[in-house]
PDBML (XML) file of the C-alpha atoms, coordinates in Angstrom:
<?xml version="1.0" encoding="UTF-8" ?>
<PDBx:datablock datablockName="MODEL"
   xmlns:PDBx="http://pdbml.pdb.org/schema/pdbx-v50.xsd"
   xmlns:xsi="http://www.w3.org/2001/XMLSchema-instance"
   xsi:schemaLocation="http://pdbml.pdb.org/schema/pdbx-v50.xsd pdbx-v50.xsd">
   <PDBx:atom_siteCategory>
      <PDBx:atom_site id="1">
         <PDBx:B_iso_or_equiv>0.00</PDBx:B_iso_or_equiv>
         <PDBx:Cartn_x>5.093</PDBx:Cartn_x>
         <PDBx:Cartn_y>7.860</PDBx:Cartn_y>
         <PDBx:Cartn_z>-14.724</PDBx:Cartn_z>
         <PDBx:auth_asym_id>A</PDBx:auth_asym_id>
         <PDBx:auth_atom_id>CA</PDBx:auth_atom_id>
         <PDBx:auth_comp_id>LEU</PDBx:auth_comp_id>
         <PDBx:auth_seq_id>1</PDBx:auth_seq_id>
         <PDBx:group_PDB>ATOM</PDBx:group_PDB>
         <PDBx:label_alt_id xsi:nil="true" />
         <PDBx:label_asym_id>A</PDBx:label_asym_id>
         <PDBx:label_atom_id>CA</PDBx:label_atom_id>
         <PDBx:label_comp_id>LEU</PDBx:label_comp_id>
         <PDBx:label_entity_id>1</PDBx:label_entity_id>
         <PDBx:label_seq_id>1</PDBx:label_seq_id>
         <PDBx:occupancy>1.00</PDBx:occupancy>
         <PDBx:pdbx_PDB_model_num>1</PDBx:pdbx_PDB_model_num>
         <PDBx:type_symbol>C</PDBx:type_symbol>
      </PDBx:atom_site>
      <PDBx:atom_site id="2">
         <PDBx:B_iso_or_equiv>0.00</PDBx:B_iso_or_equiv>
         <PDBx:Cartn_x>4.579</PDBx:Cartn_x>
         <PDBx:Cartn_y>6.007</PDBx:Cartn_y>
         <PDBx:Cartn_z>-18.005</PDBx:Cartn_z>
         <PDBx:auth_asym_id>A</PDBx:auth_asym_id>
         <PDBx:auth_atom_id>CA</PDBx:auth_atom_id>
         <PDBx:auth_comp_id>SER</PDBx:auth_comp_id>
         <PDBx:auth_seq_id>2</PDBx:auth_seq_id>
         <PDBx:group_PDB>ATOM</PDBx:group_PDB>
         <PDBx:label_alt_id xsi:nil="true" />
         <PDBx:label_asym_id>A</PDBx:label_asym_id>
         <PDBx:label_atom_id>CA</PDBx:label_atom_id>
         <PDBx:label_comp_id>SER</PDBx:label_comp_id>
         <PDBx:label_entity_id>1</PDBx:label_entity_id>
         <PDBx:label_seq_id>2</PDBx:label_seq_id>
         <PDBx:occupancy>1.00</PDBx:occupancy>
         <PDBx:pdbx_PDB_model_num>1</PDBx:pdbx_PDB_model_num>
         <PDBx:type_symbol>C</PDBx:type_symbol>
      </PDBx:atom_site>
      <PDBx:atom_site id="3">
         <PDBx:B_iso_or_equiv>0.00</PDBx:B_iso_or_equiv>
         <PDBx:Cartn_x>0.838</PDBx:Cartn_x>
         <PDBx:Cartn_y>6.646</PDBx:Cartn_y>
         <PDBx:Cartn_z>-17.582</PDBx:Cartn_z>
         <PDBx:auth_asym_id>A</PDBx:auth_asym_id>
         <PDBx:auth_atom_id>CA</PDBx:auth_atom_id>
         <PDBx:auth_comp_id>ARG</PDBx:auth_comp_id>
         <PDBx:auth_seq_id>3</PDBx:auth_seq_id>
         <PDBx:group_PDB>ATOM</PDBx:group_PDB>
         <PDBx:label_alt_id xsi:nil="true" />
         <PDBx:label_asym_id>A</PDBx:label_asym_id>
         <PDBx:label_atom_id>CA</PDBx:label_atom_id>
         <PDBx:label_comp_id>ARG</PDBx:label_comp_id>
         <PDBx:label_entity_id>1</PDBx:label_entity_id>
         <PDBx:label_seq_id>3</PDBx:label_seq_id>
         <PDBx:occupancy>1.00</PDBx:occupancy>
         <PDBx:pdbx_PDB_model_num>1</PDBx:pdbx_PDB_model_num>
         <PDBx:type_symbol>C</PDBx:type_symbol>
      </PDBx:atom_site>
      <PDBx:atom_site id="4">
         <PDBx:B_iso_or_equiv>0.00</PDBx:B_iso_or_equiv>
         <PDBx:Cartn_x>1.401</PDBx:Cartn_x>
         <PDBx:Cartn_y>10.381</PDBx:Cartn_y>
         <PDBx:Cartn_z>-17.112</PDBx:Cartn_z>
         <PDBx:auth_asym_id>A</PDBx:auth_asym_id>
         <PDBx:auth_atom_id>CA</PDBx:auth_atom_id>
         <PDBx:auth_comp_id>GLY</PDBx:auth_comp_id>
         <PDBx:auth_seq_id>4</PDBx:auth_seq_id>
         <PDBx:group_PDB>ATOM</PDBx:group_PDB>
         <PDBx:label_alt_id xsi:nil="true" />
         <PDBx:label_asym_id>A</PDBx:label_asym_id>
         <PDBx:label_atom_id>CA</PDBx:label_atom_id>
         <PDBx:label_comp_id>GLY</PDBx:label_comp_id>
         <PDBx:label_entity_id>1</PDBx:label_entity_id>
         <PDBx:label_seq_id>4</PDBx:label_seq_id>
         <PDBx:occupancy>1.00</PDBx:occupancy>
         <PDBx:pdbx_PDB_model_num>1</PDBx:pdbx_PDB_model_num>
         <PDBx:type_symbol>C</PDBx:type_symbol>
      </PDBx:atom_site>
      <PDBx:atom_site id="5">
         <PDBx:B_iso_or_equiv>0.00</PDBx:B_iso_or_equiv>
         <PDBx:Cartn_x>1.218</PDBx:Cartn_x>
         <PDBx:Cartn_y>10.761</PDBx:Cartn_y>
         <PDBx:Cartn_z>-13.323</PDBx:Cartn_z>
         <PDBx:auth_asym_id>A</PDBx:auth_asym_id>
         <PDBx:auth_atom_id>CA</PDBx:auth_atom_id>
         <PDBx:auth_comp_id>ALA</PDBx:auth_comp_id>
         <PDBx:auth_seq_id>5</PDBx:auth_seq_id>
         <PDBx:group_PDB>ATOM</PDBx:group_PDB>
         <PDBx:label_alt_id xsi:nil="true" />
         <PDBx:label_asym_id>A</PDBx:label_asym_id>
         <PDBx:label_atom_id>CA</PDBx:label_atom_id>
         <PDBx:label_comp_id>ALA</PDBx:label_comp_id>
         <PDBx:label_entity_id>1</PDBx:label_entity_id>
         <PDBx:label_seq_id>5</PDBx:label_seq_id>
         <PDBx:occupancy>1.00</PDBx:occupancy>
         <PDBx:pdbx_PDB_model_num>1</PDBx:pdbx_PDB_model_num>
         <PDBx:type_symbol>C</PDBx:type_symbol>
      </PDBx:atom_site>
      <PDBx:atom_site id="6">
         <PDBx:B_iso_or_equiv>0.00</PDBx:B_iso_or_equiv>
         <PDBx:Cartn_x>1.994</PDBx:Cartn_x>
         <PDBx:Cartn_y>14.310</PDBx:Cartn_y>
         <PDBx:Cartn_z>-12.209</PDBx:Cartn_z>
         <PDBx:auth_asym_id>A</PDBx:auth_asym_id>
         <PDBx:auth_atom_id>CA</PDBx:auth_atom_id>
         <PDBx:auth_comp_id>LYS</PDBx:auth_comp_id>
         <PDBx:auth_seq_id>6</PDBx:auth_seq_id>
         <PDBx:group_PDB>ATOM</PDBx:group_PDB>
         <PDBx:label_alt_id xsi:nil="true" />
         <PDBx:label_asym_id>A</PDBx:label_asym_id>
         <PDBx:label_atom_id>CA</PDBx:label_atom_id>
         <PDBx:label_comp_id>LYS</PDBx:label_comp_id>
         <PDBx:label_entity_id>1</PDBx:label_entity_id>
         <PDBx:label_seq_id>6</PDBx:label_seq_id>
         <PDBx:occupancy>1.00</PDBx:occupancy>
         <PDBx:pdbx_PDB_model_num>1</PDBx:pdbx_PDB_model_num>
         <PDBx:type_symbol>C</PDBx:type_symbol>
      </PDBx:atom_site>
      <PDBx:atom_site id="7">
         <PDBx:B_iso_or_equiv>0.00</PDBx:B_iso_or_equiv>
         <PDBx:Cartn_x>2.197</PDBx:Cartn_x>
         <PDBx:Cartn_y>13.529</PDBx:Cartn_y>
         <PDBx:Cartn_z>-8.477</PDBx:Cartn_z>
         <PDBx:auth_asym_id>A</PDBx:auth_asym_id>
         <PDBx:auth_atom_id>CA</PDBx:auth_atom_id>
         <PDBx:auth_comp_id>LEU</PDBx:auth_comp_id>
         <PDBx:auth_seq_id>7</PDBx:auth_seq_id>
         <PDBx:group_PDB>ATOM</PDBx:group_PDB>
         <PDBx:label_alt_id xsi:nil="true" />
         <PDBx:label_asym_id>A</PDBx:label_asym_id>
         <PDBx:label_atom_id>CA</PDBx:label_atom_id>
         <PDBx:label_comp_id>LEU</PDBx:label_comp_id>
         <PDBx:label_entity_id>1</PDBx:label_entity_id>
         <PDBx:label_seq_id>7</PDBx:label_seq_id>
         <PDBx:occupancy>1.00</PDBx:occupancy>
         <PDBx:pdbx_PDB_model_num>1</PDBx:pdbx_PDB_model_num>
         <PDBx:type_symbol>C</PDBx:type_symbol>
      </PDBx:atom_site>
      <PDBx:atom_site id="8">
         <PDBx:B_iso_or_equiv>0.00</PDBx:B_iso_or_equiv>
         <PDBx:Cartn_x>2.197</PDBx:Cartn_x>
         <PDBx:Cartn_y>10.460</PDBx:Cartn_y>
         <PDBx:Cartn_z>-6.217</PDBx:Cartn_z>
         <PDBx:auth_asym_id>A</PDBx:auth_asym_id>
         <PDBx:auth_atom_id>CA</PDBx:auth_atom_id>
         <PDBx:auth_comp_id>VAL</PDBx:auth_comp_id>
         <PDBx:auth_seq_id>8</PDBx:auth_seq_id>
         <PDBx:group_PDB>ATOM</PDBx:group_PDB>
         <PDBx:label_alt_id xsi:nil="true" />
         <PDBx:label_asym_id>A</PDBx:label_asym_id>
         <PDBx:label_atom_id>CA</PDBx:label_atom_id>
         <PDBx:label_comp_id>VAL</PDBx:label_comp_id>
         <PDBx:label_entity_id>1</PDBx:label_entity_id>
         <PDBx:label_seq_id>8</PDBx:label_seq_id>
         <PDBx:occupancy>1.00</PDBx:occupancy>
         <PDBx:pdbx_PDB_model_num>1</PDBx:pdbx_PDB_model_num>
         <PDBx:type_symbol>C</PDBx:type_symbol>
      </PDBx:atom_site>
      <PDBx:atom_site id="9">
         <PDBx:B_iso_or_equiv>0.00</PDBx:B_iso_or_equiv>
         <PDBx:Cartn_x>0.960</PDBx:Cartn_x>
         <PDBx:Cartn_y>9.680</PDBx:Cartn_y>
         <PDBx:Cartn_z>-2.719</PDBx:Cartn_z>
         <PDBx:auth_asym_id>A</PDBx:auth_asym_id>
         <PDBx:auth_atom_id>CA</PDBx:auth_atom_id>
         <PDBx:auth_comp_id>CYS</PDBx:auth_comp_id>
         <PDBx:auth_seq_id>9</PDBx:auth_seq_id>
         <PDBx:group_PDB>ATOM</PDBx:group_PDB>
         <PDBx:label_alt_id xsi:nil="true" />
         <PDBx:label_asym_id>A</PDBx:label_asym_id>
         <PDBx:label_atom_id>CA</PDBx:label_atom_id>
         <PDBx:label_comp_id>CYS</PDBx:label_comp_id>
         <PDBx:label_entity_id>1</PDBx:label_entity_id>
         <PDBx:label_seq_id>9</PDBx:label_seq_id>
         <PDBx:occupancy>1.00</PDBx:occupancy>
         <PDBx:pdbx_PDB_model_num>1</PDBx:pdbx_PDB_model_num>
         <PDBx:type_symbol>C</PDBx:type_symbol>
      </PDBx:atom_site>
      <PDBx:atom_site id="10">
         <PDBx:B_iso_or_equiv>0.00</PDBx:B_iso_or_equiv>
         <PDBx:Cartn_x>3.284</PDBx:Cartn_x>
         <PDBx:Cartn_y>8.103</PDBx:Cartn_y>
         <PDBx:Cartn_z>-0.167</PDBx:Cartn_z>
         <PDBx:auth_asym_id>A</PDBx:auth_asym_id>
         <PDBx:auth_atom_id>CA</PDBx:auth_atom_id>
         <PDBx:auth_comp_id>VAL</PDBx:auth_comp_id>
         <PDBx:auth_seq_id>10</PDBx:auth_seq_id>
         <PDBx:group_PDB>ATOM</PDBx:group_PDB>
         <PDBx:label_alt_id xsi:nil="true" />
         <PDBx:label_asym_id>A</PDBx:label_asym_id>
         <PDBx:label_atom_id>CA</PDBx:label_atom_id>
         <PDBx:label_comp_id>VAL</PDBx:label_comp_id>
         <PDBx:label_entity_id>1</PDBx:label_entity_id>
         <PDBx:label_seq_id>10</PDBx:label_seq_id>
         <PDBx:occupancy>1.00</PDBx:occupancy>
         <PDBx:pdbx_PDB_model_num>1</PDBx:pdbx_PDB_model_num>
         <PDBx:type_symbol>C</PDBx:type_symbol>
      </PDBx:atom_site>
      <PDBx:atom_site id="11">
         <PDBx:B_iso_or_equiv>0.00</PDBx:B_iso_or_equiv>
         <PDBx:Cartn_x>1.978</PDBx:Cartn_x>
         <PDBx:Cartn_y>7.288</PDBx:Cartn_y>
         <PDBx:Cartn_z>3.305</PDBx:Cartn_z>
         <PDBx:auth_asym_id>A</PDBx:auth_asym_id>
         <PDBx:auth_atom_id>CA</PDBx:auth_atom_id>
         <PDBx:auth_comp_id>ARG</PDBx:auth_comp_id>
         <PDBx:auth_seq_id>11</PDBx:auth_seq_id>
         <PDBx:group_PDB>ATOM</PDBx:group_PDB>
         <PDBx:label_alt_id xsi:nil="true" />
         <PDBx:label_asym_id>A</PDBx:label_asym_id>
         <PDBx:label_atom_id>CA</PDBx:label_atom_id>
         <PDBx:label_comp_id>ARG</PDBx:label_comp_id>
         <PDBx:label_entity_id>1</PDBx:label_entity_id>
         <PDBx:label_seq_id>11</PDBx:label_seq_id>
         <PDBx:occupancy>1.00</PDBx:occupancy>
         <PDBx:pdbx_PDB_model_num>1</PDBx:pdbx_PDB_model_num>
         <PDBx:type_symbol>C</PDBx:type_symbol>
      </PDBx:atom_site>
      <PDBx:atom_site id="12">
         <PDBx:B_iso_or_equiv>0.00</PDBx:B_iso_or_equiv>
         <PDBx:Cartn_x>3.428</PDBx:Cartn_x>
         <PDBx:Cartn_y>9.534</PDBx:Cartn_y>
         <PDBx:Cartn_z>6.040</PDBx:Cartn_z>
         <PDBx:auth_asym_id>A</PDBx:auth_asym_id>
         <PDBx:auth_atom_id>CA</PDBx:auth_atom_id>
         <PDBx:auth_comp_id>PRO</PDBx:auth_comp_id>
         <PDBx:auth_seq_id>12</PDBx:auth_seq_id>
         <PDBx:group_PDB>ATOM</PDBx:group_PDB>
         <PDBx:label_alt_id xsi:nil="true" />
         <PDBx:label_asym_id>A</PDBx:label_asym_id>
         <PDBx:label_atom_id>CA</PDBx:label_atom_id>
         <PDBx:label_comp_id>PRO</PDBx:label_comp_id>
         <PDBx:label_entity_id>1</PDBx:label_entity_id>
         <PDBx:label_seq_id>12</PDBx:label_seq_id>
         <PDBx:occupancy>1.00</PDBx:occupancy>
         <PDBx:pdbx_PDB_model_num>1</PDBx:pdbx_PDB_model_num>
         <PDBx:type_symbol>C</PDBx:type_symbol>
      </PDBx:atom_site>
      <PDBx:atom_site id="13">
         <PDBx:B_iso_or_equiv>0.00</PDBx:B_iso_or_equiv>
         <PDBx:Cartn_x>4.627</PDBx:Cartn_x>
         <PDBx:Cartn_y>6.631</PDBx:Cartn_y>
         <PDBx:Cartn_z>8.156</PDBx:Cartn_z>
         <PDBx:auth_asym_id>A</PDBx:auth_asym_id>
         <PDBx:auth_atom_id>CA</PDBx:auth_atom_id>
         <PDBx:auth_comp_id>ALA</PDBx:auth_comp_id>
         <PDBx:auth_seq_id>13</PDBx:auth_seq_id>
         <PDBx:group_PDB>ATOM</PDBx:group_PDB>
         <PDBx:label_alt_id xsi:nil="true" />
         <PDBx:label_asym_id>A</PDBx:label_asym_id>
         <PDBx:label_atom_id>CA</PDBx:label_atom_id>
         <PDBx:label_comp_id>ALA</PDBx:label_comp_id>
         <PDBx:label_entity_id>1</PDBx:label_entity_id>
         <PDBx:label_seq_id>13</PDBx:label_seq_id>
         <PDBx:occupancy>1.00</PDBx:occupancy>
         <PDBx:pdbx_PDB_model_num>1</PDBx:pdbx_PDB_model_num>
         <PDBx:type_symbol>C</PDBx:type_symbol>
      </PDBx:atom_site>
      <PDBx:atom_site id="14">
         <PDBx:B_iso_or_equiv>0.00</PDBx:B_iso_or_equiv>
         <PDBx:Cartn_x>7.522</PDBx:Cartn_x>
         <PDBx:Cartn_y>4.289</PDBx:Cartn_y>
         <PDBx:Cartn_z>8.813</PDBx:Cartn_z>
         <PDBx:auth_asym_id>A</PDBx:auth_asym_id>
         <PDBx:auth_atom_id>CA</PDBx:auth_atom_id>
         <PDBx:auth_comp_id>PRO</PDBx:auth_comp_id>
         <PDBx:auth_seq_id>14</PDBx:auth_seq_id>
         <PDBx:group_PDB>ATOM</PDBx:group_PDB>
         <PDBx:label_alt_id xsi:nil="true" />
         <PDBx:label_asym_id>A</PDBx:label_asym_id>
         <PDBx:label_atom_id>CA</PDBx:label_atom_id>
         <PDBx:label_comp_id>PRO</PDBx:label_comp_id>
         <PDBx:label_entity_id>1</PDBx:label_entity_id>
         <PDBx:label_seq_id>14</PDBx:label_seq_id>
         <PDBx:occupancy>1.00</PDBx:occupancy>
         <PDBx:pdbx_PDB_model_num>1</PDBx:pdbx_PDB_model_num>
         <PDBx:type_symbol>C</PDBx:type_symbol>
      </PDBx:atom_site>
      <PDBx:atom_site id="15">
         <PDBx:B_iso_or_equiv>0.00</PDBx:B_iso_or_equiv>
         <PDBx:Cartn_x>7.956</PDBx:Cartn_x>
         <PDBx:Cartn_y>1.922</PDBx:Cartn_y>
         <PDBx:Cartn_z>5.877</PDBx:Cartn_z>
         <PDBx:auth_asym_id>A</PDBx:auth_asym_id>
         <PDBx:auth_atom_id>CA</PDBx:auth_atom_id>
         <PDBx:auth_comp_id>VAL</PDBx:auth_comp_id>
         <PDBx:auth_seq_id>15</PDBx:auth_seq_id>
         <PDBx:group_PDB>ATOM</PDBx:group_PDB>
         <PDBx:label_alt_id xsi:nil="true" />
         <PDBx:label_asym_id>A</PDBx:label_asym_id>
         <PDBx:label_atom_id>CA</PDBx:label_atom_id>
         <PDBx:label_comp_id>VAL</PDBx:label_comp_id>
         <PDBx:label_entity_id>1</PDBx:label_entity_id>
         <PDBx:label_seq_id>15</PDBx:label_seq_id>
         <PDBx:occupancy>1.00</PDBx:occupancy>
         <PDBx:pdbx_PDB_model_num>1</PDBx:pdbx_PDB_model_num>
         <PDBx:type_symbol>C</PDBx:type_symbol>
      </PDBx:atom_site>
      <PDBx:atom_site id="16">
         <PDBx:B_iso_or_equiv>0.00</PDBx:B_iso_or_equiv>
         <PDBx:Cartn_x>6.837</PDBx:Cartn_x>
         <PDBx:Cartn_y>-1.654</PDBx:Cartn_y>
         <PDBx:Cartn_z>6.615</PDBx:Cartn_z>
         <PDBx:auth_asym_id>A</PDBx:auth_asym_id>
         <PDBx:auth_atom_id>CA</PDBx:auth_atom_id>
         <PDBx:auth_comp_id>PRO</PDBx:auth_comp_id>
         <PDBx:auth_seq_id>16</PDBx:auth_seq_id>
         <PDBx:group_PDB>ATOM</PDBx:group_PDB>
         <PDBx:label_alt_id xsi:nil="true" />
         <PDBx:label_asym_id>A</PDBx:label_asym_id>
         <PDBx:label_atom_id>CA</PDBx:label_atom_id>
         <PDBx:label_comp_id>PRO</PDBx:label_comp_id>
         <PDBx:label_entity_id>1</PDBx:label_entity_id>
         <PDBx:label_seq_id>16</PDBx:label_seq_id>
         <PDBx:occupancy>1.00</PDBx:occupancy>
         <PDBx:pdbx_PDB_model_num>1</PDBx:pdbx_PDB_model_num>
         <PDBx:type_symbol>C</PDBx:type_symbol>
      </PDBx:atom_site>
      <PDBx:atom_site id="17">
         <PDBx:B_iso_or_equiv>0.00</PDBx:B_iso_or_equiv>
         <PDBx:Cartn_x>9.632</PDBx:Cartn_x>
         <PDBx:Cartn_y>-4.200</PDBx:Cartn_y>
         <PDBx:Cartn_z>6.377</PDBx:Cartn_z>
         <PDBx:auth_asym_id>A</PDBx:auth_asym_id>
         <PDBx:auth_atom_id>CA</PDBx:auth_atom_id>
         <PDBx:auth_comp_id>GLY</PDBx:auth_comp_id>
         <PDBx:auth_seq_id>17</PDBx:auth_seq_id>
         <PDBx:group_PDB>ATOM</PDBx:group_PDB>
         <PDBx:label_alt_id xsi:nil="true" />
         <PDBx:label_asym_id>A</PDBx:label_asym_id>
         <PDBx:label_atom_id>CA</PDBx:label_atom_id>
         <PDBx:label_comp_id>GLY</PDBx:label_comp_id>
         <PDBx:label_entity_id>1</PDBx:label_entity_id>
         <PDBx:label_seq_id>17</PDBx:label_seq_id>
         <PDBx:occupancy>1.00</PDBx:occupancy>
         <PDBx:pdbx_PDB_model_num>1</PDBx:pdbx_PDB_model_num>
         <PDBx:type_symbol>C</PDBx:type_symbol>
      </PDBx:atom_site>
      <PDBx:atom_site id="18">
         <PDBx:B_iso_or_equiv>0.00</PDBx:B_iso_or_equiv>
         <PDBx:Cartn_x>9.993</PDBx:Cartn_x>
         <PDBx:Cartn_y>-7.970</PDBx:Cartn_y>
         <PDBx:Cartn_z>6.590</PDBx:Cartn_z>
         <PDBx:auth_asym_id>A</PDBx:auth_asym_id>
         <PDBx:auth_atom_id>CA</PDBx:auth_atom_id>
         <PDBx:auth_comp_id>LEU</PDBx:auth_comp_id>
         <PDBx:auth_seq_id>18</PDBx:auth_seq_id>
         <PDBx:group_PDB>ATOM</PDBx:group_PDB>
         <PDBx:label_alt_id xsi:nil="true" />
         <PDBx:label_asym_id>A</PDBx:label_asym_id>
         <PDBx:label_atom_id>CA</PDBx:label_atom_id>
         <PDBx:label_comp_id>LEU</PDBx:label_comp_id>
         <PDBx:label_entity_id>1</PDBx:label_entity_id>
         <PDBx:label_seq_id>18</PDBx:label_seq_id>
         <PDBx:occupancy>1.00</PDBx:occupancy>
         <PDBx:pdbx_PDB_model_num>1</PDBx:pdbx_PDB_model_num>
         <PDBx:type_symbol>C</PDBx:type_symbol>
      </PDBx:atom_site>
      <PDBx:atom_site id="19">
         <PDBx:B_iso_or_equiv>0.00</PDBx:B_iso_or_equiv>
         <PDBx:Cartn_x>12.143</PDBx:Cartn_x>
         <PDBx:Cartn_y>-7.742</PDBx:Cartn_y>
         <PDBx:Cartn_z>9.723</PDBx:Cartn_z>
         <PDBx:auth_asym_id>A</PDBx:auth_asym_id>
         <PDBx:auth_atom_id>CA</PDBx:auth_atom_id>
         <PDBx:auth_comp_id>VAL</PDBx:auth_comp_id>
         <PDBx:auth_seq_id>19</PDBx:auth_seq_id>
         <PDBx:group_PDB>ATOM</PDBx:group_PDB>
         <PDBx:label_alt_id xsi:nil="true" />
         <PDBx:label_asym_id>A</PDBx:label_asym_id>
         <PDBx:label_atom_id>CA</PDBx:label_atom_id>
         <PDBx:label_comp_id>VAL</PDBx:label_comp_id>
         <PDBx:label_entity_id>1</PDBx:label_entity_id>
         <PDBx:label_seq_id>19</PDBx:label_seq_id>
         <PDBx:occupancy>1.00</PDBx:occupancy>
         <PDBx:pdbx_PDB_model_num>1</PDBx:pdbx_PDB_model_num>
         <PDBx:type_symbol>C</PDBx:type_symbol>
      </PDBx:atom_site>
      <PDBx:atom_site id="20">
         <PDBx:B_iso_or_equiv>0.00</PDBx:B_iso_or_equiv>
         <PDBx:Cartn_x>11.491</PDBx:Cartn_x>
         <PDBx:Cartn_y>-4.237</PDBx:Cartn_y>
         <PDBx:Cartn_z>11.048</PDBx:Cartn_z>
         <PDBx:auth_asym_id>A</PDBx:auth_asym_id>
         <PDBx:auth_atom_id>CA</PDBx:auth_atom_id>
         <PDBx:auth_comp_id>ARG</PDBx:auth_comp_id>
         <PDBx:auth_seq_id>20</PDBx:auth_seq_id>
         <PDBx:group_PDB>ATOM</PDBx:group_PDB>
         <PDBx:label_alt_id xsi:nil="true" />
         <PDBx:label_asym_id>A</PDBx:label_asym_id>
         <PDBx:label_atom_id>CA</PDBx:label_atom_id>
         <PDBx:label_comp_id>ARG</PDBx:label_comp_id>
         <PDBx:label_entity_id>1</PDBx:label_entity_id>
         <PDBx:label_seq_id>20</PDBx:label_seq_id>
         <PDBx:occupancy>1.00</PDBx:occupancy>
         <PDBx:pdbx_PDB_model_num>1</PDBx:pdbx_PDB_model_num>
         <PDBx:type_symbol>C</PDBx:type_symbol>
      </PDBx:atom_site>
      <PDBx:atom_site id="21">
         <PDBx:B_iso_or_equiv>0.00</PDBx:B_iso_or_equiv>
         <PDBx:Cartn_x>10.170</PDBx:Cartn_x>
         <PDBx:Cartn_y>-0.904</PDBx:Cartn_y>
         <PDBx:Cartn_z>9.754</PDBx:Cartn_z>
         <PDBx:auth_asym_id>A</PDBx:auth_asym_id>
         <PDBx:auth_atom_id>CA</PDBx:auth_atom_id>
         <PDBx:auth_comp_id>PRO</PDBx:auth_comp_id>
         <PDBx:auth_seq_id>21</PDBx:auth_seq_id>
         <PDBx:group_PDB>ATOM</PDBx:group_PDB>
         <PDBx:label_alt_id xsi:nil="true" />
         <PDBx:label_asym_id>A</PDBx:label_asym_id>
         <PDBx:label_atom_id>CA</PDBx:label_atom_id>
         <PDBx:label_comp_id>PRO</PDBx:label_comp_id>
         <PDBx:label_entity_id>1</PDBx:label_entity_id>
         <PDBx:label_seq_id>21</PDBx:label_seq_id>
         <PDBx:occupancy>1.00</PDBx:occupancy>
         <PDBx:pdbx_PDB_model_num>1</PDBx:pdbx_PDB_model_num>
         <PDBx:type_symbol>C</PDBx:type_symbol>
      </PDBx:atom_site>
      <PDBx:atom_site id="22">
         <PDBx:B_iso_or_equiv>0.00</PDBx:B_iso_or_equiv>
         <PDBx:Cartn_x>12.441</PDBx:Cartn_x>
         <PDBx:Cartn_y>1.509</PDBx:Cartn_y>
         <PDBx:Cartn_z>7.912</PDBx:Cartn_z>
         <PDBx:auth_asym_id>A</PDBx:auth_asym_id>
         <PDBx:auth_atom_id>CA</PDBx:auth_atom_id>
         <PDBx:auth_comp_id>ARG</PDBx:auth_comp_id>
         <PDBx:auth_seq_id>22</PDBx:auth_seq_id>
         <PDBx:group_PDB>ATOM</PDBx:group_PDB>
         <PDBx:label_alt_id xsi:nil="true" />
         <PDBx:label_asym_id>A</PDBx:label_asym_id>
         <PDBx:label_atom_id>CA</PDBx:label_atom_id>
         <PDBx:label_comp_id>ARG</PDBx:label_comp_id>
         <PDBx:label_entity_id>1</PDBx:label_entity_id>
         <PDBx:label_seq_id>22</PDBx:label_seq_id>
         <PDBx:occupancy>1.00</PDBx:occupancy>
         <PDBx:pdbx_PDB_model_num>1</PDBx:pdbx_PDB_model_num>
         <PDBx:type_symbol>C</PDBx:type_symbol>
      </PDBx:atom_site>
      <PDBx:atom_site id="23">
         <PDBx:B_iso_or_equiv>0.00</PDBx:B_iso_or_equiv>
         <PDBx:Cartn_x>12.825</PDBx:Cartn_x>
         <PDBx:Cartn_y>5.266</PDBx:Cartn_y>
         <PDBx:Cartn_z>7.754</PDBx:Cartn_z>
         <PDBx:auth_asym_id>A</PDBx:auth_asym_id>
         <PDBx:auth_atom_id>CA</PDBx:auth_atom_id>
         <PDBx:auth_comp_id>SER</PDBx:auth_comp_id>
         <PDBx:auth_seq_id>23</PDBx:auth_seq_id>
         <PDBx:group_PDB>ATOM</PDBx:group_PDB>
         <PDBx:label_alt_id xsi:nil="true" />
         <PDBx:label_asym_id>A</PDBx:label_asym_id>
         <PDBx:label_atom_id>CA</PDBx:label_atom_id>
         <PDBx:label_comp_id>SER</PDBx:label_comp_id>
         <PDBx:label_entity_id>1</PDBx:label_entity_id>
         <PDBx:label_seq_id>23</PDBx:label_seq_id>
         <PDBx:occupancy>1.00</PDBx:occupancy>
         <PDBx:pdbx_PDB_model_num>1</PDBx:pdbx_PDB_model_num>
         <PDBx:type_symbol>C</PDBx:type_symbol>
      </PDBx:atom_site>
      <PDBx:atom_site id="24">
         <PDBx:B_iso_or_equiv>0.00</PDBx:B_iso_or_equiv>
         <PDBx:Cartn_x>11.623</PDBx:Cartn_x>
         <PDBx:Cartn_y>6.985</PDBx:Cartn_y>
         <PDBx:Cartn_z>4.613</PDBx:Cartn_z>
         <PDBx:auth_asym_id>A</PDBx:auth_asym_id>
         <PDBx:auth_atom_id>CA</PDBx:auth_atom_id>
         <PDBx:auth_comp_id>LEU</PDBx:auth_comp_id>
         <PDBx:auth_seq_id>24</PDBx:auth_seq_id>
         <PDBx:group_PDB>ATOM</PDBx:group_PDB>
         <PDBx:label_alt_id xsi:nil="true" />
         <PDBx:label_asym_id>A</PDBx:label_asym_id>
         <PDBx:label_atom_id>CA</PDBx:label_atom_id>
         <PDBx:label_comp_id>LEU</PDBx:label_comp_id>
         <PDBx:label_entity_id>1</PDBx:label_entity_id>
         <PDBx:label_seq_id>24</PDBx:label_seq_id>
         <PDBx:occupancy>1.00</PDBx:occupancy>
         <PDBx:pdbx_PDB_model_num>1</PDBx:pdbx_PDB_model_num>
         <PDBx:type_symbol>C</PDBx:type_symbol>
      </PDBx:atom_site>
   </PDBx:atom_siteCategory>
</PDBx:datablock>
């Protein structure tokens, strides 16, 4: 955001976790 981003990409997937994946 400090560099002026107007959109971001997030992977459409469960979020990797150290123990188990997480919901978005």
